[in-house]
Protein backbone atom coordinates (compact mmCIF):
# COMPACT_ATOMS: atom_id res chain seq x y z
CA MET A 1 0.00 0.00 0.00
CA SER A 2 1.20 3.53 -0.76
CA ASN A 3 2.58 5.22 2.34
CA ASN A 4 0.96 8.48 1.20
CA LEU A 5 -2.42 6.76 0.90
CA GLN A 6 -2.06 5.29 4.38
CA LYS A 7 -1.27 8.68 5.89
CA ALA A 8 -4.15 10.37 4.05
CA VAL A 9 -6.71 7.73 5.05
CA THR A 10 -5.54 7.77 8.67
CA ARG A 11 -6.11 11.53 8.78
CA VAL A 12 -9.58 11.14 7.28
CA LEU A 13 -10.45 8.40 9.77
CA SER A 14 -9.37 10.41 12.82
CA PRO A 15 -12.51 12.59 13.14
CA LEU A 16 -14.64 9.55 12.28
CA ALA A 17 -12.93 7.56 15.07
CA ARG A 18 -13.61 10.45 17.45
CA LEU A 19 -17.31 10.36 16.54
CA LEU A 20 -17.48 6.59 17.01
CA LEU A 21 -15.66 6.67 20.35
CA ARG A 22 -18.04 9.38 21.57
CA HIS A 23 -20.93 7.03 20.77
CA GLY A 24 -19.30 4.01 22.38
CA VAL A 25 -18.65 2.12 19.14
CA SER A 26 -15.87 -0.43 19.50
CA HIS A 27 -13.16 -1.15 16.94
CA ALA A 28 -14.70 -4.57 16.27
CA GLU A 29 -18.09 -3.06 15.50
CA PHE A 30 -16.50 -0.50 13.17
CA VAL A 31 -14.68 -3.31 11.34
CA SER A 32 -18.05 -5.02 10.80
CA TRP A 33 -19.48 -1.82 9.30
CA ALA A 34 -16.37 -1.33 7.17
CA LYS A 35 -16.87 -4.81 5.70
CA GLN A 36 -20.39 -3.84 4.65
CA ALA A 37 -19.05 -0.72 2.93
CA TYR A 38 -16.35 -2.76 1.14
CA VAL A 39 -18.87 -5.28 -0.16
CA LYS A 40 -21.30 -2.55 -1.25
CA GLU A 41 -18.67 -0.60 -3.19
CA ALA A 42 -17.15 -3.71 -4.74
CA THR A 43 -20.59 -4.89 -5.85
CA GLU A 44 -21.58 -1.53 -7.34
CA HIS A 45 -18.29 -0.38 -8.90
CA PHE A 46 -15.88 -3.26 -9.42
CA GLY A 47 -17.70 -5.63 -11.74
CA ILE A 48 -16.31 -6.62 -15.13
CA ASP A 49 -17.85 -5.13 -18.29
CA GLY A 50 -20.55 -3.44 -16.27
CA LYS A 51 -21.84 -6.69 -14.80
CA THR A 52 -22.51 -7.19 -11.07
CA PRO A 53 -19.58 -9.16 -9.66
CA THR A 54 -20.12 -12.65 -8.33
CA VAL A 55 -19.66 -13.49 -4.67
CA SER A 56 -16.29 -15.03 -5.55
CA ARG A 57 -15.06 -11.91 -7.35
CA THR A 58 -16.30 -9.67 -4.54
CA SER A 59 -14.40 -11.89 -2.12
CA ILE A 60 -11.22 -11.54 -4.19
CA VAL A 61 -11.53 -7.77 -4.58
CA THR A 62 -12.29 -7.07 -0.90
CA GLY A 63 -10.26 -9.79 0.79
CA ILE A 64 -13.36 -10.87 2.72
CA ASN A 65 -14.18 -14.58 2.66
CA ARG A 66 -17.07 -15.77 0.46
CA LYS A 67 -19.30 -16.83 3.37
CA GLU A 68 -19.04 -13.38 4.95
CA VAL A 69 -19.64 -11.65 1.61
CA LYS A 70 -22.81 -13.65 1.09
CA ARG A 71 -24.01 -12.87 4.63
CA ILE A 72 -23.47 -9.16 4.07
CA LEU A 73 -25.24 -9.22 0.69
CA ASP A 74 -28.27 -10.79 2.38
CA LEU A 75 -28.55 -7.98 4.94
CA PRO A 76 -31.50 -5.56 4.50
CA ASP A 77 -30.58 -2.15 3.10
CA ASP A 78 -32.13 0.55 5.31
CA VAL A 79 -29.71 3.35 4.40
CA GLN A 80 -31.90 4.92 1.73
CA ALA A 81 -34.81 5.42 4.13
CA GLY A 82 -32.89 7.95 6.20
CA ILE A 83 -31.64 9.78 3.11
CA ASN A 84 -35.15 10.06 1.66
CA LYS A 85 -36.57 11.39 4.93
CA HIS A 86 -33.83 14.01 5.09
CA ASN A 87 -34.30 15.03 1.45
CA ARG A 88 -38.06 15.46 1.82
CA ALA A 89 -37.67 17.63 4.90
CA VAL A 90 -35.10 19.76 3.08
CA ARG A 91 -37.41 20.18 0.09
CA VAL A 92 -40.35 21.26 2.23
CA VAL A 93 -38.35 23.83 4.22
CA THR A 94 -36.71 25.10 1.04
CA GLY A 95 -40.10 25.56 -0.60
CA TRP A 96 -41.24 27.48 2.46
CA LEU A 97 -38.23 29.80 2.16
CA GLN A 98 -38.39 30.25 -1.62
CA ASP A 99 -42.01 30.09 -2.76
CA ASP A 100 -43.89 33.41 -2.64
CA GLN A 101 -47.07 31.50 -1.86
CA PHE A 102 -45.72 30.65 1.60
CA GLN A 103 -44.04 33.98 2.42
CA GLN A 104 -45.05 37.30 3.97
CA ASP A 105 -44.99 40.55 2.00
CA ASP A 106 -41.44 41.24 3.23
CA GLY A 107 -40.18 37.91 1.85
CA GLN A 108 -39.91 36.17 5.23
CA PRO A 109 -41.47 32.71 5.68
CA ALA A 110 -45.06 33.04 6.82
CA ALA A 111 -46.65 31.18 9.71
CA LEU A 112 -48.68 28.36 8.17
CA THR A 113 -51.76 26.52 9.36
CA TYR A 114 -52.00 22.75 9.69
CA GLY A 115 -55.25 20.86 9.25
CA ASP A 116 -57.11 19.56 6.21
CA ASN A 117 -55.78 19.52 2.64
CA ASN A 118 -56.70 23.16 2.04
CA GLU A 119 -54.59 24.51 4.90
CA SER A 120 -51.32 26.22 3.94
CA PHE A 121 -48.92 23.79 5.63
CA ASN A 122 -50.67 20.82 4.05
CA GLN A 123 -50.41 22.52 0.64
CA LEU A 124 -46.69 23.14 1.21
CA VAL A 125 -46.06 19.48 1.97
CA ARG A 126 -48.18 18.35 -0.97
CA GLN A 127 -46.17 20.54 -3.35
CA TYR A 128 -42.68 19.82 -2.02
CA GLY A 129 -42.82 16.67 0.10
CA GLY A 130 -43.85 14.08 -2.46
CA ASP A 131 -46.17 11.43 -1.08
CA VAL A 132 -45.20 11.87 2.57
CA PRO A 133 -48.22 12.66 4.83
CA ALA A 134 -48.32 16.23 6.15
CA ARG A 135 -48.68 15.01 9.75
CA ALA A 136 -45.59 12.81 9.47
CA LEU A 137 -43.54 15.65 8.01
CA LEU A 138 -44.81 18.06 10.67
CA ASP A 139 -43.92 15.64 13.46
CA GLU A 140 -40.40 15.27 12.04
CA LEU A 141 -39.83 19.04 11.75
CA VAL A 142 -41.09 19.58 15.30
CA ARG A 143 -38.93 16.73 16.59
CA VAL A 144 -35.71 18.14 15.14
CA GLY A 145 -36.46 21.71 16.23
CA THR A 146 -36.98 23.23 12.78
CA VAL A 147 -40.57 24.38 13.46
CA GLU A 148 -42.82 25.11 16.41
CA LEU A 149 -46.50 24.15 16.51
CA ASN A 150 -48.87 26.41 18.44
CA ASP A 151 -52.42 25.12 18.23
CA ASN A 152 -52.70 24.69 14.44
CA GLU A 153 -50.13 27.35 13.53
CA VAL A 154 -46.75 26.16 12.27
CA VAL A 155 -43.83 28.59 12.62
CA LEU A 156 -40.43 28.12 11.00
CA VAL A 157 -37.78 28.84 13.64
CA THR A 158 -34.62 28.15 11.58
CA LYS A 159 -33.52 29.35 8.15
CA GLY A 160 -33.27 25.83 6.82
CA TYR A 161 -33.47 22.15 7.81
CA VAL A 162 -31.01 22.28 10.72
CA PRO A 163 -32.01 19.45 13.08
CA HIS A 164 -30.39 20.64 16.34
CA GLU A 165 -32.78 18.67 18.52
CA SER A 166 -32.37 15.27 16.88
CA GLU A 167 -29.19 13.22 17.01
CA GLU A 168 -30.63 10.78 14.47
CA ALA A 169 -31.34 13.56 11.97
CA MET A 170 -27.95 15.18 12.58
CA LEU A 171 -26.29 11.85 11.82
CA ASP A 172 -28.29 11.65 8.57
CA VAL A 173 -26.99 15.11 7.65
CA PHE A 174 -23.47 14.08 8.66
CA ALA A 175 -23.61 10.98 6.47
CA THR A 176 -24.97 12.87 3.45
CA SER A 177 -22.53 15.79 3.69
CA ALA A 178 -19.45 13.68 4.39
CA THR A 179 -20.32 11.27 1.57
CA ASP A 180 -20.84 14.11 -0.90
CA LEU A 181 -17.46 15.66 -0.04
CA LEU A 182 -15.56 12.36 -0.14
CA ASN A 183 -17.18 11.38 -3.46
CA THR A 184 -15.97 14.64 -5.00
CA LEU A 185 -12.46 14.20 -3.59
CA ASP A 186 -12.29 10.60 -4.81
CA HIS A 187 -13.51 11.65 -8.25
CA ASN A 188 -10.79 14.30 -8.53
CA ILE A 189 -8.05 11.95 -7.33
CA SER A 190 -9.12 9.19 -9.73
CA GLY A 191 -8.63 11.46 -12.76
CA GLU A 192 -11.32 9.53 -14.65
CA ASP A 193 -13.20 12.60 -15.82
CA LYS A 194 -13.17 16.39 -15.71
CA ARG A 195 -12.42 17.63 -12.21
CA ARG A 196 -15.33 18.73 -10.06
CA LEU A 197 -15.32 22.02 -8.16
CA GLN A 198 -13.18 21.62 -5.02
CA MET A 199 -12.16 24.84 -3.29
CA SER A 200 -11.35 25.99 0.23
CA VAL A 201 -9.58 28.81 2.00
CA ALA A 202 -8.00 28.61 5.47
CA TYR A 203 -5.42 30.54 7.52
CA ASP A 204 -3.81 29.27 10.70
CA ASN A 205 -2.79 32.40 12.64
CA ILE A 206 -6.17 34.06 13.33
CA SER A 207 -7.15 35.69 16.64
CA SER A 208 -10.36 34.79 18.50
CA ASP A 209 -11.88 38.19 17.69
CA ALA A 210 -11.10 37.80 13.99
CA LEU A 211 -12.48 34.24 14.12
CA ALA A 212 -15.82 35.49 15.46
CA GLU A 213 -15.95 38.20 12.80
CA PHE A 214 -15.17 35.77 9.99
CA LYS A 215 -17.70 33.26 11.32
CA LYS A 216 -20.47 35.85 10.98
CA LEU A 217 -19.24 37.11 7.60
CA SER A 218 -18.95 33.60 6.13
CA ALA A 219 -22.36 32.54 7.45
CA ASP A 220 -24.08 35.60 5.96
CA LYS A 221 -22.42 35.32 2.55
CA ALA A 222 -22.72 31.52 2.36
CA LEU A 223 -26.44 31.63 3.17
CA LYS A 224 -27.01 34.24 0.46
CA LEU A 225 -25.07 32.18 -2.09
CA LEU A 226 -26.79 28.91 -1.21
CA ARG A 227 -30.23 30.50 -1.39
CA GLU A 228 -29.42 31.79 -4.87
CA PHE A 229 -28.29 28.34 -6.00
CA ASP A 230 -31.25 26.70 -4.28
CA LYS A 231 -33.70 28.93 -6.15
CA THR A 232 -32.00 28.14 -9.48
CA LEU A 233 -32.04 24.37 -8.93
CA ALA A 234 -35.62 24.39 -7.64
CA GLU A 235 -36.77 26.18 -10.79
CA GLN A 236 -34.82 23.76 -12.99
CA GLU A 237 -36.35 20.76 -11.25
CA LYS A 238 -39.85 22.19 -11.44
CA ASN A 239 -39.76 23.57 -15.00
CA ASN A 240 -37.36 21.16 -16.74
CA PRO A 241 -37.88 17.66 -15.31
CA PRO A 242 -36.01 14.89 -17.16
CA ALA A 243 -38.05 12.94 -19.69
CA THR A 244 -38.85 9.27 -19.12
CA GLY A 245 -35.72 7.21 -19.68
CA GLU A 246 -33.46 10.27 -19.64
CA ALA A 247 -30.47 10.28 -17.28
CA ARG A 248 -31.12 12.04 -13.97
CA TYR A 249 -28.52 13.63 -11.72
CA ARG A 250 -28.27 14.78 -8.13
CA THR A 251 -26.26 18.01 -8.00
CA GLY A 252 -25.60 20.89 -5.66
CA LEU A 253 -22.92 22.70 -3.70
CA GLY A 254 -21.87 22.23 -0.08
CA ILE A 255 -20.14 24.79 2.14
CA TYR A 256 -18.54 24.04 5.51
CA PHE A 257 -16.79 26.12 8.17
CA ILE A 258 -13.24 25.33 9.31
CA GLU A 259 -12.19 25.91 12.94
CA ASP A 260 -9.29 24.24 14.75
CA ALA A 261 -7.19 25.38 17.68
CA VAL A 262 -3.55 25.67 16.65
CA ASP A 263 -0.57 24.68 18.79
CA ASP A 264 1.72 27.71 19.14
CA ASP A 265 4.72 25.51 18.39
CA VAL A 266 3.43 24.61 14.92
CA VAL A 267 1.90 27.91 13.74
CA SER A 268 2.57 28.37 10.05
CA THR A 269 3.48 31.71 8.45
CA ASP A 270 2.59 30.61 4.94
CA GLY A 271 -0.83 32.31 4.92
CA GLY A 272 -3.85 30.71 3.36
CA ASN A 273 -4.59 28.19 0.67
CA ASN A 274 -7.24 27.94 -1.99
CA ASP A 275 -7.42 24.85 -4.16
């Protein structure tokens, strides 16, 4: 194995190991999960001539014995359920923030009413939540702290689907965001196709006052940018849906904040980076 690859992967695994240790996950349990990921990726991406690999080939590619590969392949796949629930909640809150029908005159999200199909919250869910029941979506948004329900009035208390009150939902967001970032990084390293957008900027000699100032500045500008992109993509999805049989794509842009305490002995004077 490449020494550079080993160092890079170890760095990537460090925050993941911290998360797992915080949740009491042992090394043995993580190894079991890692096996599932190996089998899944080998099955989906390492067949020959586009064909799904056999159990034997999957065993060869992953180094996991055939009996264990077969056991893993027989496990139920419940990953997509969490992703779909997250996506539907995001769509509903985004529609609330973007659609004039659900806003006040000043452009702020209006308080909506929940009840029968003609009530405003029910209409919002029907337009942006797919086939999910309005009550189920409302319960989820209340549970994660995105909305408050007073009698039949639903009030949006965050500027997006930010599930502060739900560890389960936060883990869904973590999984989606981390996977998106790592997929882009892997794509760019593989060199198989045109590079995807991958940019960041960070400096390592910033005072606490400057950190607080930049945190506010970056949040304000990032929210404005993401809302602009969100509006564009929402209009594209609504007005230009792919025809039957046409290729469909999931696309977007993620932004994340960087903050680490720096040891005075290793402070760099090189400035920032942007790549």
